[in-house]
PDB file of N, CA and C in Angstrom:
ATOM      1  N   UNK A   1      19.342 -53.058 -56.158  1.00  0.00           N
ATOM      2  CA  UNK A   1      19.486 -52.248 -55.265  1.00  0.00           C
ATOM      3  C   UNK A   1      18.333 -51.188 -55.439  1.00  0.00           C
ATOM      4  N   UNK A   2      17.585 -50.767 -54.326  1.00  0.00           N
ATOM      5  CA  UNK A   2      16.223 -49.798 -54.652  1.00  0.00           C
ATOM      6  C   UNK A   2      16.890 -48.406 -54.539  1.00  0.00           C
ATOM      7  N   UNK A   3      16.365 -47.596 -55.164  1.00  0.00           N
ATOM      8  CA  UNK A   3      16.513 -46.108 -54.875  1.00  0.00           C
ATOM      9  C   UNK A   3      15.243 -45.634 -54.349  1.00  0.00           C
ATOM     10  N   UNK A   4      15.584 -44.810 -53.430  1.00  0.00           N
ATOM     11  CA  UNK A   4      14.504 -43.843 -52.477  1.00  0.00           C
ATOM     12  C   UNK A   4      14.625 -42.408 -52.684  1.00  0.00           C
ATOM     13  N   UNK A   5      13.527 -41.867 -52.944  1.00  0.00           N
ATOM     14  CA  UNK A   5      12.998 -40.593 -52.921  1.00  0.00           C
ATOM     15  C   UNK A   5      13.532 -39.935 -51.213  1.00  0.00           C
ATOM     16  N   UNK A   6      14.521 -38.981 -51.211  1.00  0.00           N
ATOM     17  CA  UNK A   6      14.442 -38.235 -49.938  1.00  0.00           C
ATOM     18  C   UNK A   6      14.243 -36.879 -50.353  1.00  0.00           C
ATOM     19  N   UNK A   7      13.765 -36.335 -49.018  1.00  0.00           N
ATOM     20  CA  UNK A   7      13.172 -34.958 -48.970  1.00  0.00           C
ATOM     21  C   UNK A   7      14.364 -34.226 -48.795  1.00  0.00           C
ATOM     22  N   UNK A   8      14.048 -32.624 -48.657  1.00  0.00           N
ATOM     23  CA  UNK A   8      15.285 -31.704 -48.707  1.00  0.00           C
ATOM     24  C   UNK A   8      16.038 -32.007 -47.198  1.00  0.00           C
ATOM     25  N   UNK A   9      15.119 -32.252 -46.214  1.00  0.00           N
ATOM     26  CA  UNK A   9      15.675 -32.224 -44.633  1.00  0.00           C
ATOM     27  C   UNK A   9      16.678 -33.647 -44.844  1.00  0.00           C
ATOM     28  N   UNK A  10      15.936 -34.598 -45.279  1.00  0.00           N
ATOM     29  CA  UNK A  10      16.518 -35.929 -45.155  1.00  0.00           C
ATOM     30  C   UNK A  10      18.159 -35.676 -46.102  1.00  0.00           C
ATOM     31  N   UNK A  11      17.809 -34.891 -47.014  1.00  0.00           N
ATOM     32  CA  UNK A  11      19.429 -34.709 -47.814  1.00  0.00           C
ATOM     33  C   UNK A  11      20.240 -33.686 -47.407  1.00  0.00           C
ATOM     34  N   UNK A  12      19.841 -33.000 -46.211  1.00  0.00           N
ATOM     35  CA  UNK A  12      20.298 -32.097 -45.458  1.00  0.00           C
ATOM     36  C   UNK A  12      21.435 -33.080 -44.461  1.00  0.00           C
ATOM     37  N   UNK A  13      20.481 -33.925 -43.809  1.00  0.00           N
ATOM     38  CA  UNK A  13      20.948 -34.937 -42.846  1.00  0.00           C
ATOM     39  C   UNK A  13      21.991 -35.717 -43.323  1.00  0.00           C
ATOM     40  N   UNK A  14      21.931 -36.449 -44.688  1.00  0.00           N
ATOM     41  CA  UNK A  14      22.950 -37.333 -45.128  1.00  0.00           C
ATOM     42  C   UNK A  14      24.081 -36.338 -45.837  1.00  0.00           C
ATOM     43  N   UNK A  15      23.925 -35.318 -46.171  1.00  0.00           N
ATOM     44  CA  UNK A  15      25.201 -34.391 -46.412  1.00  0.00           C
ATOM     45  C   UNK A  15      25.846 -34.172 -45.244  1.00  0.00           C
ATOM     46  N   UNK A  16      25.205 -33.969 -44.167  1.00  0.00           N
ATOM     47  CA  UNK A  16      26.330 -33.545 -42.968  1.00  0.00           C
ATOM     48  C   UNK A  16      26.691 -34.850 -42.389  1.00  0.00           C
ATOM     49  N   UNK A  17      26.231 -35.753 -42.576  1.00  0.00           N
ATOM     50  CA  UNK A  17      26.731 -37.223 -41.939  1.00  0.00           C
ATOM     51  C   UNK A  17      28.084 -37.409 -42.840  1.00  0.00           C
ATOM     52  N   UNK A  18      27.966 -37.583 -44.268  1.00  0.00           N
ATOM     53  CA  UNK A  18      28.822 -37.715 -45.365  1.00  0.00           C
ATOM     54  C   UNK A  18      30.222 -36.608 -44.969  1.00  0.00           C
ATOM     55  N   UNK A  19      29.999 -35.188 -44.455  1.00  0.00           N
ATOM     56  CA  UNK A  19      30.911 -34.325 -44.477  1.00  0.00           C
ATOM     57  C   UNK A  19      31.693 -34.911 -42.835  1.00  0.00           C
ATOM     58  N   UNK A  20      31.006 -35.820 -42.197  1.00  0.00           N
ATOM     59  CA  UNK A  20      31.681 -36.091 -40.832  1.00  0.00           C
ATOM     60  C   UNK A  20      31.555 -35.059 -39.638  1.00  0.00           C
ATOM     61  N   UNK A  21      30.196 -34.601 -39.714  1.00  0.00           N
ATOM     62  CA  UNK A  21      29.845 -33.329 -38.635  1.00  0.00           C
ATOM     63  C   UNK A  21      28.997 -34.069 -37.556  1.00  0.00           C
ATOM     64  N   UNK A  22      29.189 -35.384 -37.559  1.00  0.00           N
ATOM     65  CA  UNK A  22      28.450 -35.867 -36.459  1.00  0.00           C
ATOM     66  C   UNK A  22      29.458 -36.979 -35.746  1.00  0.00           C
ATOM     67  N   UNK A  23      29.350 -36.577 -34.507  1.00  0.00           N
ATOM     68  CA  UNK A  23      30.156 -37.571 -33.528  1.00  0.00           C
ATOM     69  C   UNK A  23      29.594 -38.411 -32.629  1.00  0.00           C
ATOM     70  N   UNK A  24      30.186 -39.442 -32.399  1.00  0.00           N
ATOM     71  CA  UNK A  24      29.629 -40.594 -31.345  1.00  0.00           C
ATOM     72  C   UNK A  24      29.374 -39.959 -30.134  1.00  0.00           C
ATOM     73  N   UNK A  25      28.271 -40.312 -29.338  1.00  0.00           N
ATOM     74  CA  UNK A  25      28.161 -40.110 -28.100  1.00  0.00           C
ATOM     75  C   UNK A  25      28.777 -40.953 -27.101  1.00  0.00           C
ATOM     76  N   UNK A  26      29.336 -40.431 -26.327  1.00  0.00           N
ATOM     77  CA  UNK A  26      29.914 -41.536 -25.322  1.00  0.00           C
ATOM     78  C   UNK A  26      29.256 -41.785 -24.022  1.00  0.00           C
ATOM     79  N   UNK A  27      29.001 -43.055 -23.423  1.00  0.00           N
ATOM     80  CA  UNK A  27      28.382 -43.369 -22.607  1.00  0.00           C
ATOM     81  C   UNK A  27      26.709 -42.806 -22.570  1.00  0.00           C
ATOM     82  N   UNK A  28      26.429 -43.412 -23.860  1.00  0.00           N
ATOM     83  CA  UNK A  28      24.944 -43.244 -24.288  1.00  0.00           C
ATOM     84  C   UNK A  28      24.107 -43.527 -23.402  1.00  0.00           C
ATOM     85  N   UNK A  29      24.205 -44.835 -22.794  1.00  0.00           N
ATOM     86  CA  UNK A  29      23.275 -45.614 -21.697  1.00  0.00           C
ATOM     87  C   UNK A  29      23.317 -44.490 -20.496  1.00  0.00           C
ATOM     88  N   UNK A  30      24.278 -43.986 -20.110  1.00  0.00           N
ATOM     89  CA  UNK A  30      24.270 -43.029 -18.874  1.00  0.00           C
ATOM     90  C   UNK A  30      23.538 -42.046 -19.375  1.00  0.00           C
ATOM     91  N   UNK A  31      23.578 -41.416 -20.458  1.00  0.00           N
ATOM     92  CA  UNK A  31      22.653 -40.061 -20.780  1.00  0.00           C
ATOM     93  C   UNK A  31      21.372 -40.497 -20.733  1.00  0.00           C
ATOM     94  N   UNK A  32      20.912 -41.455 -21.522  1.00  0.00           N
ATOM     95  CA  UNK A  32      19.591 -42.132 -21.495  1.00  0.00           C
ATOM     96  C   UNK A  32      19.131 -42.228 -20.051  1.00  0.00           C
ATOM     97  N   UNK A  33      19.852 -42.812 -19.218  1.00  0.00           N
ATOM     98  CA  UNK A  33      19.234 -42.931 -17.610  1.00  0.00           C
ATOM     99  C   UNK A  33      19.032 -41.448 -17.028  1.00  0.00           C
ATOM    100  N   UNK A  34      20.079 -40.586 -17.309  1.00  0.00           N
ATOM    101  CA  UNK A  34      20.139 -39.141 -16.732  1.00  0.00           C
ATOM    102  C   UNK A  34      18.757 -38.742 -17.521  1.00  0.00           C
ATOM    103  N   UNK A  35      18.752 -38.621 -18.657  1.00  0.00           N
ATOM    104  CA  UNK A  35      17.302 -38.019 -19.008  1.00  0.00           C
ATOM    105  C   UNK A  35      16.035 -38.495 -18.625  1.00  0.00           C
ATOM    106  N   UNK A  36      16.046 -39.719 -18.544  1.00  0.00           N
ATOM    107  CA  UNK A  36      15.074 -40.678 -18.015  1.00  0.00           C
ATOM    108  C   UNK A  36      14.636 -40.394 -16.697  1.00  0.00           C
ATOM    109  N   UNK A  37      15.498 -39.825 -15.881  1.00  0.00           N
ATOM    110  CA  UNK A  37      15.353 -39.357 -14.596  1.00  0.00           C
ATOM    111  C   UNK A  37      14.782 -38.035 -14.675  1.00  0.00           C
ATOM    112  N   UNK A  38      15.427 -37.276 -15.279  1.00  0.00           N
ATOM    113  CA  UNK A  38      14.776 -35.727 -15.464  1.00  0.00           C
ATOM    114  C   UNK A  38      13.269 -36.160 -16.024  1.00  0.00           C
ATOM    115  N   UNK A  39      12.868 -36.661 -16.572  1.00  0.00           N
ATOM    116  CA  UNK A  39      11.552 -36.830 -17.409  1.00  0.00           C
ATOM    117  C   UNK A  39      10.753 -37.438 -15.978  1.00  0.00           C
ATOM    118  N   UNK A  40      11.076 -38.016 -15.562  1.00  0.00           N
ATOM    119  CA  UNK A  40      10.355 -38.840 -14.527  1.00  0.00           C
ATOM    120  C   UNK A  40       9.812 -37.618 -13.351  1.00  0.00           C
ATOM    121  N   UNK A  41      11.049 -37.200 -12.862  1.00  0.00           N
ATOM    122  CA  UNK A  41      10.896 -36.285 -12.192  1.00  0.00           C
ATOM    123  C   UNK A  41       9.988 -35.001 -12.545  1.00  0.00           C
ATOM    124  N   UNK A  42       9.853 -34.711 -13.901  1.00  0.00           N
ATOM    125  CA  UNK A  42       9.019 -33.379 -14.278  1.00  0.00           C
ATOM    126  C   UNK A  42       7.842 -34.094 -14.314  1.00  0.00           C
ATOM    127  N   UNK A  43       7.437 -35.438 -14.515  1.00  0.00           N
ATOM    128  CA  UNK A  43       6.026 -35.754 -14.860  1.00  0.00           C
ATOM    129  C   UNK A  43       5.557 -36.275 -13.558  1.00  0.00           C
ATOM    130  N   UNK A  44       6.097 -36.177 -12.446  1.00  0.00           N
ATOM    131  CA  UNK A  44       5.781 -36.926 -10.957  1.00  0.00           C
ATOM    132  C   UNK A  44       4.520 -35.814 -10.376  1.00  0.00           C
ATOM    133  N   UNK A  45       3.697 -36.515 -10.335  1.00  0.00           N
ATOM    134  CA  UNK A  45       2.490 -35.405  -9.828  1.00  0.00           C
ATOM    135  C   UNK A  45       2.335 -36.086  -8.226  1.00  0.00           C
ATOM    136  N   UNK A  46       2.781 -35.230  -7.371  1.00  0.00           N
ATOM    137  CA  UNK A  46       2.691 -35.904  -5.980  1.00  0.00           C
ATOM    138  C   UNK A  46       1.834 -35.017  -5.021  1.00  0.00           C
ATOM    139  N   UNK A  47       1.264 -33.834  -5.664  1.00  0.00           N
ATOM    140  CA  UNK A  47       0.588 -32.691  -4.982  1.00  0.00           C
ATOM    141  C   UNK A  47      -0.811 -32.844  -5.512  1.00  0.00           C
ATOM    142  N   UNK A  48      -1.754 -33.002  -4.580  1.00  0.00           N
ATOM    143  CA  UNK A  48      -3.273 -32.728  -5.106  1.00  0.00           C
ATOM    144  C   UNK A  48      -3.636 -31.281  -4.573  1.00  0.00           C
ATOM    145  N   UNK A  49      -4.581 -30.925  -5.313  1.00  0.00           N
ATOM    146  CA  UNK A  49      -5.126 -29.692  -5.215  1.00  0.00           C
ATOM    147  C   UNK A  49      -6.565 -29.905  -5.393  1.00  0.00           C
ATOM    148  N   UNK A  50      -7.360 -28.576  -4.999  1.00  0.00           N
ATOM    149  CA  UNK A  50      -8.756 -28.156  -5.245  1.00  0.00           C
ATOM    150  C   UNK A  50      -8.813 -26.970  -5.901  1.00  0.00           C
ATOM    151  N   UNK A  51      -9.577 -26.831  -6.760  1.00  0.00           N
ATOM    152  CA  UNK A  51      -9.903 -25.376  -7.358  1.00  0.00           C
ATOM    153  C   UNK A  51     -11.481 -25.068  -7.801  1.00  0.00           C
ATOM    154  N   UNK A  52     -11.793 -24.041  -7.758  1.00  0.00           N
ATOM    155  CA  UNK A  52     -13.005 -23.726  -7.975  1.00  0.00           C
ATOM    156  C   UNK A  52     -12.992 -22.810  -9.169  1.00  0.00           C
ATOM    157  N   UNK A  53     -13.867 -22.887 -10.368  1.00  0.00           N
ATOM    158  CA  UNK A  53     -13.805 -22.268 -11.498  1.00  0.00           C
ATOM    159  C   UNK A  53     -15.051 -22.195 -11.935  1.00  0.00           C
ATOM    160  N   UNK A  54     -15.542 -21.439 -13.127  1.00  0.00           N
ATOM    161  CA  UNK A  54     -17.047 -21.063 -13.545  1.00  0.00           C
ATOM    162  C   UNK A  54     -17.239 -22.398 -14.256  1.00  0.00           C
ATOM    163  N   UNK A  55     -18.589 -22.608 -14.265  1.00  0.00           N
ATOM    164  CA  UNK A  55     -18.985 -23.987 -15.026  1.00  0.00           C
ATOM    165  C   UNK A  55     -18.603 -23.669 -16.597  1.00  0.00           C
ATOM    166  N   UNK A  56     -18.814 -22.412 -17.239  1.00  0.00           N
ATOM    167  CA  UNK A  56     -18.347 -22.066 -18.684  1.00  0.00           C
ATOM    168  C   UNK A  56     -16.981 -22.532 -18.896  1.00  0.00           C
ATOM    169  N   UNK A  57     -15.920 -21.989 -17.813  1.00  0.00           N
ATOM    170  CA  UNK A  57     -14.744 -22.517 -18.124  1.00  0.00           C
ATOM    171  C   UNK A  57     -14.453 -23.911 -17.930  1.00  0.00           C
ATOM    172  N   UNK A  58     -15.068 -24.600 -17.038  1.00  0.00           N
ATOM    173  CA  UNK A  58     -14.838 -25.828 -16.683  1.00  0.00           C
ATOM    174  C   UNK A  58     -15.296 -26.960 -18.230  1.00  0.00           C
ATOM    175  N   UNK A  59     -16.448 -26.404 -18.736  1.00  0.00           N
ATOM    176  CA  UNK A  59     -17.002 -27.073 -19.637  1.00  0.00           C
ATOM    177  C   UNK A  59     -16.106 -26.772 -20.986  1.00  0.00           C
ATOM    178  N   UNK A  60     -15.452 -25.490 -21.025  1.00  0.00           N
ATOM    179  CA  UNK A  60     -14.569 -25.077 -22.076  1.00  0.00           C
ATOM    180  C   UNK A  60     -13.310 -25.849 -21.944  1.00  0.00           C
ATOM    181  N   UNK A  61     -12.651 -26.245 -20.726  1.00  0.00           N
ATOM    182  CA  UNK A  61     -11.800 -26.935 -20.659  1.00  0.00           C
ATOM    183  C   UNK A  61     -11.761 -28.389 -21.041  1.00  0.00           C
ATOM    184  N   UNK A  62     -13.186 -29.111 -20.469  1.00  0.00           N
ATOM    185  CA  UNK A  62     -13.249 -30.336 -20.885  1.00  0.00           C
ATOM    186  C   UNK A  62     -13.646 -30.486 -22.549  1.00  0.00           C
ATOM    187  N   UNK A  63     -13.920 -29.548 -23.259  1.00  0.00           N
ATOM    188  CA  UNK A  63     -14.029 -29.662 -24.625  1.00  0.00           C
ATOM    189  C   UNK A  63     -12.367 -29.497 -25.312  1.00  0.00           C
ATOM    190  N   UNK A  64     -11.884 -28.792 -24.788  1.00  0.00           N
ATOM    191  CA  UNK A  64     -10.391 -28.454 -25.302  1.00  0.00           C
ATOM    192  C   UNK A  64      -9.862 -30.046 -25.317  1.00  0.00           C
ATOM    193  N   UNK A  65     -10.117 -30.481 -23.952  1.00  0.00           N
ATOM    194  CA  UNK A  65      -9.142 -31.692 -23.801  1.00  0.00           C
ATOM    195  C   UNK A  65      -9.765 -32.808 -24.654  1.00  0.00           C
ATOM    196  N   UNK A  66     -11.003 -33.038 -25.022  1.00  0.00           N
ATOM    197  CA  UNK A  66     -11.638 -33.863 -25.895  1.00  0.00           C
ATOM    198  C   UNK A  66     -10.962 -33.744 -27.157  1.00  0.00           C
ATOM    199  N   UNK A  67     -10.786 -32.233 -27.431  1.00  0.00           N
ATOM    200  CA  UNK A  67     -10.390 -32.050 -28.926  1.00  0.00           C
ATOM    201  C   UNK A  67      -8.647 -32.513 -29.215  1.00  0.00           C
ATOM    202  N   UNK A  68      -8.202 -32.495 -28.116  1.00  0.00           N
ATOM    203  CA  UNK A  68      -6.607 -32.868 -27.488  1.00  0.00           C
ATOM    204  C   UNK A  68      -6.449 -34.286 -27.564  1.00  0.00           C
ATOM    205  N   UNK A  69      -7.560 -35.010 -27.010  1.00  0.00           N
ATOM    206  CA  UNK A  69      -7.494 -36.649 -26.860  1.00  0.00           C
ATOM    207  C   UNK A  69      -6.920 -36.769 -25.268  1.00  0.00           C
ATOM    208  N   UNK A  70      -6.975 -35.900 -24.495  1.00  0.00           N
ATOM    209  CA  UNK A  70      -6.511 -36.000 -23.115  1.00  0.00           C
ATOM    210  C   UNK A  70      -7.343 -35.868 -22.267  1.00  0.00           C
ATOM    211  N   UNK A  71      -7.322 -36.438 -20.942  1.00  0.00           N
ATOM    212  CA  UNK A  71      -8.092 -36.040 -19.998  1.00  0.00           C
ATOM    213  C   UNK A  71      -8.030 -34.754 -19.383  1.00  0.00           C
ATOM    214  N   UNK A  72      -9.076 -34.103 -19.019  1.00  0.00           N
ATOM    215  CA  UNK A  72      -9.184 -32.621 -18.617  1.00  0.00           C
ATOM    216  C   UNK A  72      -8.146 -32.326 -17.645  1.00  0.00           C
ATOM    217  N   UNK A  73      -7.874 -33.132 -16.594  1.00  0.00           N
ATOM    218  CA  UNK A  73      -6.800 -32.821 -15.594  1.00  0.00           C
ATOM    219  C   UNK A  73      -5.469 -32.830 -16.134  1.00  0.00           C
ATOM    220  N   UNK A  74      -5.203 -33.409 -17.200  1.00  0.00           N
ATOM    221  CA  UNK A  74      -3.595 -33.555 -17.821  1.00  0.00           C
ATOM    222  C   UNK A  74      -3.831 -32.285 -18.666  1.00  0.00           C
ATOM    223  N   UNK A  75      -4.756 -31.607 -18.993  1.00  0.00           N
ATOM    224  CA  UNK A  75      -4.749 -30.493 -19.805  1.00  0.00           C
ATOM    225  C   UNK A  75      -4.452 -29.102 -18.832  1.00  0.00           C
ATOM    226  N   UNK A  76      -5.270 -29.267 -17.646  1.00  0.00           N
ATOM    227  CA  UNK A  76      -5.018 -28.231 -16.837  1.00  0.00           C
ATOM    228  C   UNK A  76      -3.432 -28.207 -16.147  1.00  0.00           C
ATOM    229  N   UNK A  77      -3.169 -29.539 -15.638  1.00  0.00           N
ATOM    230  CA  UNK A  77      -1.860 -29.652 -15.359  1.00  0.00           C
ATOM    231  C   UNK A  77      -0.628 -29.165 -16.562  1.00  0.00           C
ATOM    232  N   UNK A  78      -0.865 -29.164 -17.528  1.00  0.00           N
ATOM    233  CA  UNK A  78      -0.137 -28.895 -18.601  1.00  0.00           C
ATOM    234  C   UNK A  78      -0.079 -27.461 -18.698  1.00  0.00           C
ATOM    235  N   UNK A  79      -1.246 -26.932 -18.622  1.00  0.00           N
ATOM    236  CA  UNK A  79      -1.466 -25.038 -18.895  1.00  0.00           C
ATOM    237  C   UNK A  79      -0.591 -24.573 -17.313  1.00  0.00           C
ATOM    238  N   UNK A  80      -0.994 -25.186 -16.276  1.00  0.00           N
ATOM    239  CA  UNK A  80      -0.392 -24.664 -15.191  1.00  0.00           C
ATOM    240  C   UNK A  80       1.140 -24.580 -15.370  1.00  0.00           C
ATOM    241  N   UNK A  81       1.958 -25.698 -15.725  1.00  0.00           N
ATOM    242  CA  UNK A  81       3.153 -26.002 -15.785  1.00  0.00           C
ATOM    243  C   UNK A  81       3.732 -25.176 -16.938  1.00  0.00           C
ATOM    244  N   UNK A  82       3.279 -24.746 -17.964  1.00  0.00           N
ATOM    245  CA  UNK A  82       3.472 -23.895 -19.074  1.00  0.00           C
ATOM    246  C   UNK A  82       3.746 -22.428 -18.551  1.00  0.00           C
ATOM    247  N   UNK A  83       2.642 -22.370 -17.766  1.00  0.00           N
ATOM    248  CA  UNK A  83       2.589 -21.043 -16.968  1.00  0.00           C
ATOM    249  C   UNK A  83       3.880 -20.498 -16.072  1.00  0.00           C
ATOM    250  N   UNK A  84       4.123 -21.651 -15.253  1.00  0.00           N
ATOM    251  CA  UNK A  84       4.980 -21.412 -14.435  1.00  0.00           C
ATOM    252  C   UNK A  84       6.365 -21.627 -14.945  1.00  0.00           C
ATOM    253  N   UNK A  85       6.718 -22.210 -15.982  1.00  0.00           N
ATOM    254  CA  UNK A  85       7.868 -22.353 -16.455  1.00  0.00           C
ATOM    255  C   UNK A  85       7.965 -21.182 -17.817  1.00  0.00           C
ATOM    256  N   UNK A  86       6.829 -20.133 -17.780  1.00  0.00           N
ATOM    257  CA  UNK A  86       7.219 -19.119 -18.691  1.00  0.00           C
ATOM    258  C   UNK A  86       6.897 -19.230 -20.170  1.00  0.00           C
ATOM    259  N   UNK A  87       6.105 -20.419 -20.444  1.00  0.00           N
ATOM    260  CA  UNK A  87       6.036 -20.910 -21.761  1.00  0.00           C
ATOM    261  C   UNK A  87       4.696 -20.719 -22.103  1.00  0.00           C
ATOM    262  N   UNK A  88       3.612 -20.084 -21.229  1.00  0.00           N
ATOM    263  CA  UNK A  88       2.448 -20.043 -21.627  1.00  0.00           C
ATOM    264  C   UNK A  88       2.338 -18.515 -22.000  1.00  0.00           C
ATOM    265  N   UNK A  89       2.094 -18.000 -23.496  1.00  0.00           N
ATOM    266  CA  UNK A  89       2.015 -16.836 -23.832  1.00  0.00           C
ATOM    267  C   UNK A  89       0.410 -16.272 -23.722  1.00  0.00           C
ATOM    268  N   UNK A  90       0.393 -14.999 -23.214  1.00  0.00           N
ATOM    269  CA  UNK A  90      -0.910 -14.689 -23.227  1.00  0.00           C
ATOM    270  C   UNK A  90      -1.194 -13.693 -24.260  1.00  0.00           C
ATOM    271  N   UNK A  91      -2.441 -13.294 -24.594  1.00  0.00           N
ATOM    272  CA  UNK A  91      -2.659 -12.609 -25.688  1.00  0.00           C
ATOM    273  C   UNK A  91      -2.036 -11.064 -25.773  1.00  0.00           C
ATOM    274  N   UNK A  92      -1.838 -10.661 -24.532  1.00  0.00           N
ATOM    275  CA  UNK A  92      -1.109  -9.505 -24.240  1.00  0.00           C
ATOM    276  C   UNK A  92       0.297  -9.504 -24.669  1.00  0.00           C
ATOM    277  N   UNK A  93       1.012 -10.455 -24.357  1.00  0.00           N
ATOM    278  CA  UNK A  93       2.339 -10.741 -24.683  1.00  0.00           C
ATOM    279  C   UNK A  93       2.799 -10.965 -26.008  1.00  0.00           C
ATOM    280  N   UNK A  94       1.487 -12.034 -26.849  1.00  0.00           N
ATOM    281  CA  UNK A  94       1.595 -12.014 -28.219  1.00  0.00           C
ATOM    282  C   UNK A  94       1.470 -10.786 -29.135  1.00  0.00           C
ATOM    283  N   UNK A  95       0.749  -9.975 -28.802  1.00  0.00           N
ATOM    284  CA  UNK A  95       0.749  -8.638 -29.337  1.00  0.00           C
ATOM    285  C   UNK A  95       1.926  -7.709 -29.440  1.00  0.00           C
ATOM    286  N   UNK A  96       2.816  -7.856 -28.619  1.00  0.00           N
ATOM    287  CA  UNK A  96       3.960  -6.979 -28.418  1.00  0.00           C
ATOM    288  C   UNK A  96       4.697  -7.012 -29.674  1.00  0.00           C
TER     289      UNK A  96
END
């Protein structure tokens, strides 16, 4: 029998399981289908737009996208999505 080293987080999970704090999920397949539907709708891109921006901003967006390893259009979409959902924090909000 092998003995494995587990970290603090893993030890916490193991203790929680051993205490019986975890409960089985009923209708797991239904839940997975429901969340898959939510994800599909959230990721559906069915509206095309055209925007104008300064060349400096465009180059900056492209550079950030390369750093993240994603297309620049995906980065712009992500920024807009975060803004619309109140998850994009400005410097002014952060300073409060």
